[in-house]
PDB file of N, CA and C in Angstrom:
ATOM      1  N   UNK A   1     -33.750-122.461 -76.062  1.00  0.00           N
ATOM      2  CA  UNK A   1     -33.842-123.459 -74.608  1.00  0.00           C
ATOM      3  C   UNK A   1     -35.583-123.730 -74.934  1.00  0.00           C
ATOM      4  N   UNK A   2     -36.152-124.639 -75.201  1.00  0.00           N
ATOM      5  CA  UNK A   2     -36.995-125.601 -74.688  1.00  0.00           C
ATOM      6  C   UNK A   2     -37.517-125.720 -73.745  1.00  0.00           C
ATOM      7  N   UNK A   3     -38.972-125.972 -73.423  1.00  0.00           N
ATOM      8  CA  UNK A   3     -39.776-125.985 -72.298  1.00  0.00           C
ATOM      9  C   UNK A   3     -40.390-127.590 -72.619  1.00  0.00           C
ATOM     10  N   UNK A   4     -40.204-128.606 -71.722  1.00  0.00           N
ATOM     11  CA  UNK A   4     -40.343-129.950 -72.264  1.00  0.00           C
ATOM     12  C   UNK A   4     -41.745-129.942 -71.067  1.00  0.00           C
ATOM     13  N   UNK A   5     -42.939-130.562 -71.428  1.00  0.00           N
ATOM     14  CA  UNK A   5     -43.695-130.901 -70.506  1.00  0.00           C
ATOM     15  C   UNK A   5     -43.596-132.522 -70.668  1.00  0.00           C
ATOM     16  N   UNK A   6     -43.572-133.160 -70.196  1.00  0.00           N
ATOM     17  CA  UNK A   6     -43.988-134.863 -69.421  1.00  0.00           C
ATOM     18  C   UNK A   6     -44.998-135.263 -68.753  1.00  0.00           C
ATOM     19  N   UNK A   7     -45.677-136.043 -69.293  1.00  0.00           N
ATOM     20  CA  UNK A   7     -46.820-136.963 -68.405  1.00  0.00           C
ATOM     21  C   UNK A   7     -45.958-137.532 -67.884  1.00  0.00           C
ATOM     22  N   UNK A   8     -45.966-137.450 -66.708  1.00  0.00           N
ATOM     23  CA  UNK A   8     -45.557-139.275 -66.032  1.00  0.00           C
ATOM     24  C   UNK A   8     -46.422-139.992 -65.676  1.00  0.00           C
ATOM     25  N   UNK A   9     -46.394-140.745 -66.326  1.00  0.00           N
ATOM     26  CA  UNK A   9     -48.115-141.957 -66.562  1.00  0.00           C
ATOM     27  C   UNK A   9     -47.854-142.750 -65.011  1.00  0.00           C
ATOM     28  N   UNK A  10     -46.693-143.207 -64.509  1.00  0.00           N
ATOM     29  CA  UNK A  10     -46.315-143.896 -62.559  1.00  0.00           C
ATOM     30  C   UNK A  10     -46.730-142.842 -61.918  1.00  0.00           C
ATOM     31  N   UNK A  11     -46.875-141.867 -62.217  1.00  0.00           N
ATOM     32  CA  UNK A  11     -47.170-140.181 -60.952  1.00  0.00           C
ATOM     33  C   UNK A  11     -48.156-139.803 -61.237  1.00  0.00           C
ATOM     34  N   UNK A  12     -49.029-139.731 -62.402  1.00  0.00           N
ATOM     35  CA  UNK A  12     -50.043-139.019 -62.758  1.00  0.00           C
ATOM     36  C   UNK A  12     -50.322-137.598 -62.406  1.00  0.00           C
ATOM     37  N   UNK A  13     -48.891-137.037 -63.225  1.00  0.00           N
ATOM     38  CA  UNK A  13     -48.466-135.600 -63.123  1.00  0.00           C
ATOM     39  C   UNK A  13     -47.742-135.738 -64.065  1.00  0.00           C
ATOM     40  N   UNK A  14     -47.677-134.153 -64.331  1.00  0.00           N
ATOM     41  CA  UNK A  14     -46.935-133.404 -65.601  1.00  0.00           C
ATOM     42  C   UNK A  14     -45.794-132.671 -64.769  1.00  0.00           C
ATOM     43  N   UNK A  15     -44.508-132.977 -65.493  1.00  0.00           N
ATOM     44  CA  UNK A  15     -43.345-132.572 -65.254  1.00  0.00           C
ATOM     45  C   UNK A  15     -42.927-131.541 -66.033  1.00  0.00           C
ATOM     46  N   UNK A  16     -42.008-130.639 -65.697  1.00  0.00           N
ATOM     47  CA  UNK A  16     -41.568-129.657 -66.636  1.00  0.00           C
ATOM     48  C   UNK A  16     -39.923-129.894 -66.867  1.00  0.00           C
ATOM     49  N   UNK A  17     -39.478-129.811 -67.778  1.00  0.00           N
ATOM     50  CA  UNK A  17     -38.249-129.543 -68.182  1.00  0.00           C
ATOM     51  C   UNK A  17     -37.354-128.194 -68.966  1.00  0.00           C
ATOM     52  N   UNK A  18     -36.712-127.833 -68.493  1.00  0.00           N
ATOM     53  CA  UNK A  18     -36.053-126.841 -69.739  1.00  0.00           C
ATOM     54  C   UNK A  18     -34.643-127.424 -70.261  1.00  0.00           C
ATOM     55  N   UNK A  19     -34.787-127.864 -71.499  1.00  0.00           N
ATOM     56  CA  UNK A  19     -33.512-128.218 -72.285  1.00  0.00           C
ATOM     57  C   UNK A  19     -32.985-127.433 -73.914  1.00  0.00           C
ATOM     58  N   UNK A  20     -31.731-127.468 -73.448  1.00  0.00           N
ATOM     59  CA  UNK A  20     -31.213-127.154 -74.647  1.00  0.00           C
ATOM     60  C   UNK A  20     -30.956-127.844 -76.023  1.00  0.00           C
ATOM     61  N   UNK A  21     -31.096-127.121 -77.260  1.00  0.00           N
ATOM     62  CA  UNK A  21     -31.684-127.969 -78.196  1.00  0.00           C
ATOM     63  C   UNK A  21     -30.804-129.224 -78.566  1.00  0.00           C
ATOM     64  N   UNK A  22     -29.402-129.316 -77.972  1.00  0.00           N
ATOM     65  CA  UNK A  22     -28.480-130.440 -77.909  1.00  0.00           C
ATOM     66  C   UNK A  22     -28.322-131.211 -76.747  1.00  0.00           C
ATOM     67  N   UNK A  23     -29.236-131.087 -76.081  1.00  0.00           N
ATOM     68  CA  UNK A  23     -29.792-132.169 -74.986  1.00  0.00           C
ATOM     69  C   UNK A  23     -30.098-133.565 -75.154  1.00  0.00           C
ATOM     70  N   UNK A  24     -30.320-134.386 -74.527  1.00  0.00           N
ATOM     71  CA  UNK A  24     -30.941-135.422 -74.500  1.00  0.00           C
ATOM     72  C   UNK A  24     -32.317-135.174 -73.663  1.00  0.00           C
ATOM     73  N   UNK A  25     -33.357-135.923 -74.795  1.00  0.00           N
ATOM     74  CA  UNK A  25     -34.933-135.419 -74.075  1.00  0.00           C
ATOM     75  C   UNK A  25     -34.808-136.516 -72.871  1.00  0.00           C
ATOM     76  N   UNK A  26     -35.962-135.824 -72.072  1.00  0.00           N
ATOM     77  CA  UNK A  26     -35.759-136.578 -70.523  1.00  0.00           C
ATOM     78  C   UNK A  26     -36.428-137.572 -70.872  1.00  0.00           C
ATOM     79  N   UNK A  27     -36.046-138.589 -69.823  1.00  0.00           N
ATOM     80  CA  UNK A  27     -35.750-140.230 -70.203  1.00  0.00           C
ATOM     81  C   UNK A  27     -35.484-140.961 -71.431  1.00  0.00           C
ATOM     82  N   UNK A  28     -35.050-140.152 -71.824  1.00  0.00           N
ATOM     83  CA  UNK A  28     -34.328-140.744 -73.196  1.00  0.00           C
ATOM     84  C   UNK A  28     -32.269-141.190 -72.213  1.00  0.00           C
ATOM     85  N   UNK A  29     -32.324-142.330 -72.882  1.00  0.00           N
ATOM     86  CA  UNK A  29     -31.013-143.146 -72.298  1.00  0.00           C
ATOM     87  C   UNK A  29     -29.884-142.829 -73.321  1.00  0.00           C
ATOM     88  N   UNK A  30     -28.568-142.493 -72.625  1.00  0.00           N
ATOM     89  CA  UNK A  30     -27.657-142.958 -73.930  1.00  0.00           C
ATOM     90  C   UNK A  30     -27.905-141.535 -74.774  1.00  0.00           C
ATOM     91  N   UNK A  31     -28.151-140.459 -74.905  1.00  0.00           N
ATOM     92  CA  UNK A  31     -27.998-139.620 -75.583  1.00  0.00           C
ATOM     93  C   UNK A  31     -28.857-139.687 -76.872  1.00  0.00           C
ATOM     94  N   UNK A  32     -30.085-140.369 -77.207  1.00  0.00           N
ATOM     95  CA  UNK A  32     -30.094-141.272 -78.692  1.00  0.00           C
ATOM     96  C   UNK A  32     -31.436-140.141 -79.140  1.00  0.00           C
ATOM     97  N   UNK A  33     -31.930-139.544 -78.501  1.00  0.00           N
ATOM     98  CA  UNK A  33     -33.057-138.768 -78.741  1.00  0.00           C
ATOM     99  C   UNK A  33     -32.583-137.349 -78.921  1.00  0.00           C
ATOM    100  N   UNK A  34     -32.084-136.659 -79.239  1.00  0.00           N
ATOM    101  CA  UNK A  34     -32.025-134.731 -78.780  1.00  0.00           C
ATOM    102  C   UNK A  34     -33.083-133.909 -79.049  1.00  0.00           C
ATOM    103  N   UNK A  35     -33.375-133.087 -78.224  1.00  0.00           N
ATOM    104  CA  UNK A  35     -34.476-131.996 -78.295  1.00  0.00           C
ATOM    105  C   UNK A  35     -34.558-131.346 -79.727  1.00  0.00           C
ATOM    106  N   UNK A  36     -33.127-131.290 -80.156  1.00  0.00           N
ATOM    107  CA  UNK A  36     -33.618-130.826 -81.791  1.00  0.00           C
ATOM    108  C   UNK A  36     -33.797-131.877 -82.931  1.00  0.00           C
ATOM    109  N   UNK A  37     -33.993-132.938 -82.594  1.00  0.00           N
ATOM    110  CA  UNK A  37     -34.586-134.004 -83.492  1.00  0.00           C
ATOM    111  C   UNK A  37     -36.226-134.018 -82.689  1.00  0.00           C
ATOM    112  N   UNK A  38     -36.361-134.459 -82.116  1.00  0.00           N
ATOM    113  CA  UNK A  38     -37.828-134.402 -81.235  1.00  0.00           C
ATOM    114  C   UNK A  38     -38.415-133.140 -81.996  1.00  0.00           C
ATOM    115  N   UNK A  39     -38.290-131.911 -81.630  1.00  0.00           N
ATOM    116  CA  UNK A  39     -39.045-130.866 -82.368  1.00  0.00           C
ATOM    117  C   UNK A  39     -39.049-130.735 -83.686  1.00  0.00           C
ATOM    118  N   UNK A  40     -37.909-130.962 -84.120  1.00  0.00           N
ATOM    119  CA  UNK A  40     -37.725-131.442 -86.063  1.00  0.00           C
ATOM    120  C   UNK A  40     -38.133-129.785 -86.095  1.00  0.00           C
ATOM    121  N   UNK A  41     -39.175-129.223 -86.997  1.00  0.00           N
ATOM    122  CA  UNK A  41     -39.039-128.226 -88.261  1.00  0.00           C
ATOM    123  C   UNK A  41     -40.258-127.465 -86.899  1.00  0.00           C
ATOM    124  N   UNK A  42     -40.269-127.414 -86.260  1.00  0.00           N
ATOM    125  CA  UNK A  42     -41.769-127.206 -85.113  1.00  0.00           C
ATOM    126  C   UNK A  42     -40.599-125.943 -84.527  1.00  0.00           C
ATOM    127  N   UNK A  43     -41.523-124.786 -84.559  1.00  0.00           N
ATOM    128  CA  UNK A  43     -40.861-123.305 -84.247  1.00  0.00           C
ATOM    129  C   UNK A  43     -41.699-123.565 -82.716  1.00  0.00           C
ATOM    130  N   UNK A  44     -42.318-124.620 -81.821  1.00  0.00           N
ATOM    131  CA  UNK A  44     -42.745-123.955 -80.769  1.00  0.00           C
ATOM    132  C   UNK A  44     -41.601-124.316 -79.687  1.00  0.00           C
ATOM    133  N   UNK A  45     -41.444-123.424 -78.780  1.00  0.00           N
ATOM    134  CA  UNK A  45     -40.518-123.182 -77.368  1.00  0.00           C
ATOM    135  C   UNK A  45     -41.103-124.307 -76.505  1.00  0.00           C
ATOM    136  N   UNK A  46     -42.457-124.949 -76.633  1.00  0.00           N
ATOM    137  CA  UNK A  46     -43.455-125.815 -75.289  1.00  0.00           C
ATOM    138  C   UNK A  46     -43.659-127.192 -76.516  1.00  0.00           C
ATOM    139  N   UNK A  47     -42.591-128.000 -75.821  1.00  0.00           N
ATOM    140  CA  UNK A  47     -43.112-129.200 -76.280  1.00  0.00           C
ATOM    141  C   UNK A  47     -43.618-130.247 -75.040  1.00  0.00           C
ATOM    142  N   UNK A  48     -43.942-131.263 -75.636  1.00  0.00           N
ATOM    143  CA  UNK A  48     -44.939-131.917 -74.796  1.00  0.00           C
ATOM    144  C   UNK A  48     -44.528-133.801 -75.257  1.00  0.00           C
ATOM    145  N   UNK A  49     -44.715-134.427 -74.197  1.00  0.00           N
ATOM    146  CA  UNK A  49     -44.448-136.013 -74.649  1.00  0.00           C
ATOM    147  C   UNK A  49     -45.277-136.531 -73.234  1.00  0.00           C
ATOM    148  N   UNK A  50     -45.308-138.335 -73.661  1.00  0.00           N
ATOM    149  CA  UNK A  50     -45.252-138.954 -72.086  1.00  0.00           C
ATOM    150  C   UNK A  50     -43.774-139.601 -71.983  1.00  0.00           C
ATOM    151  N   UNK A  51     -43.771-140.013 -70.486  1.00  0.00           N
ATOM    152  CA  UNK A  51     -43.008-141.139 -70.215  1.00  0.00           C
ATOM    153  C   UNK A  51     -42.592-142.020 -71.027  1.00  0.00           C
ATOM    154  N   UNK A  52     -43.505-142.640 -70.867  1.00  0.00           N
ATOM    155  CA  UNK A  52     -44.394-143.950 -71.690  1.00  0.00           C
ATOM    156  C   UNK A  52     -43.784-144.017 -73.062  1.00  0.00           C
ATOM    157  N   UNK A  53     -43.848-142.905 -74.004  1.00  0.00           N
ATOM    158  CA  UNK A  53     -43.038-142.420 -75.302  1.00  0.00           C
ATOM    159  C   UNK A  53     -41.908-142.895 -75.575  1.00  0.00           C
ATOM    160  N   UNK A  54     -40.766-141.949 -74.080  1.00  0.00           N
ATOM    161  CA  UNK A  54     -39.789-141.797 -73.902  1.00  0.00           C
ATOM    162  C   UNK A  54     -39.519-143.254 -73.877  1.00  0.00           C
ATOM    163  N   UNK A  55     -39.962-144.242 -73.140  1.00  0.00           N
ATOM    164  CA  UNK A  55     -39.265-145.339 -72.995  1.00  0.00           C
ATOM    165  C   UNK A  55     -39.706-146.355 -73.762  1.00  0.00           C
ATOM    166  N   UNK A  56     -40.553-145.909 -74.528  1.00  0.00           N
ATOM    167  CA  UNK A  56     -40.751-147.258 -75.449  1.00  0.00           C
ATOM    168  C   UNK A  56     -39.745-146.825 -76.751  1.00  0.00           C
ATOM    169  N   UNK A  57     -39.564-145.508 -76.864  1.00  0.00           N
ATOM    170  CA  UNK A  57     -38.134-144.908 -78.173  1.00  0.00           C
ATOM    171  C   UNK A  57     -37.026-145.904 -77.261  1.00  0.00           C
ATOM    172  N   UNK A  58     -36.493-145.542 -76.187  1.00  0.00           N
ATOM    173  CA  UNK A  58     -35.315-146.681 -75.668  1.00  0.00           C
ATOM    174  C   UNK A  58     -35.712-147.921 -75.861  1.00  0.00           C
ATOM    175  N   UNK A  59     -36.451-148.806 -75.779  1.00  0.00           N
ATOM    176  CA  UNK A  59     -36.568-150.227 -75.843  1.00  0.00           C
ATOM    177  C   UNK A  59     -36.305-150.285 -77.542  1.00  0.00           C
ATOM    178  N   UNK A  60     -37.267-149.579 -78.448  1.00  0.00           N
ATOM    179  CA  UNK A  60     -36.880-150.115 -79.971  1.00  0.00           C
ATOM    180  C   UNK A  60     -35.826-149.967 -80.007  1.00  0.00           C
ATOM    181  N   UNK A  61     -34.895-148.926 -79.800  1.00  0.00           N
ATOM    182  CA  UNK A  61     -33.411-148.108 -80.484  1.00  0.00           C
ATOM    183  C   UNK A  61     -32.768-149.196 -79.487  1.00  0.00           C
ATOM    184  N   UNK A  62     -32.664-150.072 -78.318  1.00  0.00           N
ATOM    185  CA  UNK A  62     -32.202-151.178 -77.844  1.00  0.00           C
ATOM    186  C   UNK A  62     -32.838-152.197 -78.640  1.00  0.00           C
ATOM    187  N   UNK A  63     -33.347-152.752 -79.025  1.00  0.00           N
ATOM    188  CA  UNK A  63     -33.515-153.862 -80.172  1.00  0.00           C
ATOM    189  C   UNK A  63     -33.053-153.821 -81.450  1.00  0.00           C
ATOM    190  N   UNK A  64     -33.395-152.954 -81.776  1.00  0.00           N
ATOM    191  CA  UNK A  64     -32.796-152.219 -83.037  1.00  0.00           C
ATOM    192  C   UNK A  64     -30.845-152.349 -83.329  1.00  0.00           C
ATOM    193  N   UNK A  65     -30.922-151.586 -82.130  1.00  0.00           N
ATOM    194  CA  UNK A  65     -29.487-152.148 -82.248  1.00  0.00           C
ATOM    195  C   UNK A  65     -28.680-150.964 -83.145  1.00  0.00           C
ATOM    196  N   UNK A  66     -29.184-150.506 -83.413  1.00  0.00           N
ATOM    197  CA  UNK A  66     -28.199-148.882 -84.115  1.00  0.00           C
ATOM    198  C   UNK A  66     -29.051-147.161 -84.018  1.00  0.00           C
ATOM    199  N   UNK A  67     -28.529-146.616 -84.539  1.00  0.00           N
ATOM    200  CA  UNK A  67     -29.331-145.205 -84.268  1.00  0.00           C
ATOM    201  C   UNK A  67     -30.477-145.342 -85.661  1.00  0.00           C
ATOM    202  N   UNK A  68     -31.556-144.721 -84.439  1.00  0.00           N
ATOM    203  CA  UNK A  68     -33.369-144.374 -85.377  1.00  0.00           C
ATOM    204  C   UNK A  68     -33.273-143.247 -86.050  1.00  0.00           C
ATOM    205  N   UNK A  69     -33.159-143.103 -87.211  1.00  0.00           N
ATOM    206  CA  UNK A  69     -33.083-141.368 -87.726  1.00  0.00           C
ATOM    207  C   UNK A  69     -34.550-141.210 -87.355  1.00  0.00           C
ATOM    208  N   UNK A  70     -34.639-139.522 -87.199  1.00  0.00           N
ATOM    209  CA  UNK A  70     -36.238-138.786 -86.538  1.00  0.00           C
ATOM    210  C   UNK A  70     -36.228-137.704 -87.271  1.00  0.00           C
ATOM    211  N   UNK A  71     -36.952-137.858 -88.563  1.00  0.00           N
ATOM    212  CA  UNK A  71     -37.132-136.277 -88.944  1.00  0.00           C
ATOM    213  C   UNK A  71     -37.752-135.776 -88.127  1.00  0.00           C
ATOM    214  N   UNK A  72     -39.226-135.837 -86.906  1.00  0.00           N
ATOM    215  CA  UNK A  72     -39.321-134.841 -86.347  1.00  0.00           C
ATOM    216  C   UNK A  72     -40.237-136.219 -85.673  1.00  0.00           C
ATOM    217  N   UNK A  73     -40.542-135.785 -84.674  1.00  0.00           N
ATOM    218  CA  UNK A  73     -41.461-136.620 -83.600  1.00  0.00           C
ATOM    219  C   UNK A  73     -42.779-135.373 -83.292  1.00  0.00           C
ATOM    220  N   UNK A  74     -41.890-134.162 -83.027  1.00  0.00           N
ATOM    221  CA  UNK A  74     -43.191-133.325 -82.320  1.00  0.00           C
ATOM    222  C   UNK A  74     -43.461-132.328 -83.650  1.00  0.00           C
ATOM    223  N   UNK A  75     -44.717-132.015 -83.754  1.00  0.00           N
ATOM    224  CA  UNK A  75     -45.509-130.662 -84.622  1.00  0.00           C
ATOM    225  C   UNK A  75     -47.176-130.542 -84.660  1.00  0.00           C
ATOM    226  N   UNK A  76     -47.072-129.421 -84.237  1.00  0.00           N
ATOM    227  CA  UNK A  76     -48.062-128.889 -84.075  1.00  0.00           C
ATOM    228  C   UNK A  76     -49.205-129.253 -84.975  1.00  0.00           C
ATOM    229  N   UNK A  77     -50.504-129.176 -85.716  1.00  0.00           N
ATOM    230  CA  UNK A  77     -51.248-129.472 -86.847  1.00  0.00           C
ATOM    231  C   UNK A  77     -51.114-128.257 -87.441  1.00  0.00           C
ATOM    232  N   UNK A  78     -51.028-127.346 -86.766  1.00  0.00           N
ATOM    233  CA  UNK A  78     -51.256-125.835 -87.743  1.00  0.00           C
ATOM    234  C   UNK A  78     -49.627-125.771 -88.685  1.00  0.00           C
ATOM    235  N   UNK A  79     -48.688-126.469 -88.417  1.00  0.00           N
ATOM    236  CA  UNK A  79     -47.306-126.168 -88.817  1.00  0.00           C
ATOM    237  C   UNK A  79     -47.452-127.096 -89.566  1.00  0.00           C
ATOM    238  N   UNK A  80     -48.279-127.556 -90.428  1.00  0.00           N
ATOM    239  CA  UNK A  80     -48.260-128.475 -91.756  1.00  0.00           C
ATOM    240  C   UNK A  80     -47.790-129.952 -91.436  1.00  0.00           C
ATOM    241  N   UNK A  81     -47.752-130.562 -92.386  1.00  0.00           N
ATOM    242  CA  UNK A  81     -47.486-132.337 -92.354  1.00  0.00           C
ATOM    243  C   UNK A  81     -48.331-133.120 -92.156  1.00  0.00           C
ATOM    244  N   UNK A  82     -49.181-132.839 -91.527  1.00  0.00           N
ATOM    245  CA  UNK A  82     -50.780-133.479 -91.307  1.00  0.00           C
ATOM    246  C   UNK A  82     -51.895-133.232 -92.363  1.00  0.00           C
ATOM    247  N   UNK A  83     -52.122-134.527 -92.747  1.00  0.00           N
ATOM    248  CA  UNK A  83     -53.325-134.396 -93.546  1.00  0.00           C
ATOM    249  C   UNK A  83     -54.539-135.293 -93.203  1.00  0.00           C
TER     250      UNK A  83
END
């Protein structure tokens, strides 16, 4: 189970969610971005994002009209993949 911290830009505060790997990310519509997709190959049990980032994904997915493959959206710098 992952602990997900979401900065809610509208309320100017952090929100905490606990989700399983196959659950949808907070603020995600129609289950189009699962926690496991967002986590990718990261080993972290704590993930973070913003409400606006999730809403932007929803809008992009809606306008694109079909699934968007996500390799990973979350990865800490020391886990590699950053140059």
